[in-house]
Amino acid sequence: MPIILGIDPGSRITGFGVIDSDGTRHRYIASGCIKMAKLSLPERLHRIYAG
């Protein structure tokens, strides 16, 4: 079963969701957000780029 990662990119808040799928059924694994609003724009972009 493939595991699928969905990403909602953003410079202040980046959201993600992970599901498991067998083609006909989907199972929730995890979701959340990464908040970086307190950093400067160059620092946020660097963190997104660096992973």
Protein backbone atom coordinates (compact mmCIF):
# COMPACT_ATOMS: atom_id res chain seq x y z
CA MET A 1 0.00 0.00 0.00
CA PRO A 2 1.48 3.36 -0.95
CA ILE A 3 1.83 6.06 1.66
CA ILE A 4 0.88 9.50 0.33
CA LEU A 5 2.21 12.80 1.67
CA GLY A 6 0.32 16.00 0.91
CA ILE A 7 1.91 19.38 1.55
CA ASP A 8 0.27 22.82 1.74
CA PRO A 9 3.29 25.13 1.39
CA GLY A 10 3.39 28.49 3.06
CA SER A 11 6.07 30.89 4.26
CA ARG A 12 4.53 31.29 7.75
CA ILE A 13 2.60 28.03 8.22
CA THR A 14 3.20 24.84 6.23
CA GLY A 15 0.58 22.11 6.53
CA PHE A 16 0.99 18.41 5.84
CA GLY A 17 -1.10 15.25 5.77
CA VAL A 18 -0.18 11.59 5.43
CA ILE A 19 -2.52 8.78 4.34
CA ASP A 20 -2.18 5.12 3.44
CA SER A 21 -4.08 3.96 0.35
CA ASP A 22 -4.79 0.57 -1.21
CA GLY A 23 -6.56 2.02 -4.24
CA THR A 24 -10.10 1.78 -2.89
CA ARG A 25 -9.66 2.59 0.80
CA HIS A 26 -7.72 5.38 2.46
CA ARG A 27 -6.46 5.41 6.04
CA TYR A 28 -5.45 8.53 7.96
CA ILE A 29 -1.93 8.38 9.39
CA ALA A 30 -1.01 11.91 10.50
CA SER A 31 -1.38 15.62 9.83
CA GLY A 32 -0.15 18.85 11.28
CA CYS A 33 1.50 22.16 10.64
CA ILE A 34 4.91 23.71 10.96
CA LYS A 35 4.74 27.29 12.24
CA MET A 36 7.64 29.66 11.62
CA ALA A 37 5.92 33.06 11.95
CA LYS A 38 8.46 34.41 14.47
CA LEU A 39 11.37 34.08 12.05
CA SER A 40 12.29 36.63 9.39
CA LEU A 41 11.25 35.86 5.80
CA PRO A 42 14.81 34.88 4.71
CA GLU A 43 15.10 32.53 7.72
CA ARG A 44 11.70 30.93 6.98
CA LEU A 45 12.57 30.40 3.31
CA HIS A 46 15.92 28.87 4.27
CA ARG A 47 14.25 26.42 6.68
CA ILE A 48 11.71 25.38 4.04
CA TYR A 49 14.51 24.91 1.47
CA ALA A 50 16.81 23.05 3.88
CA GLY A 51 14.07 20.70 5.09
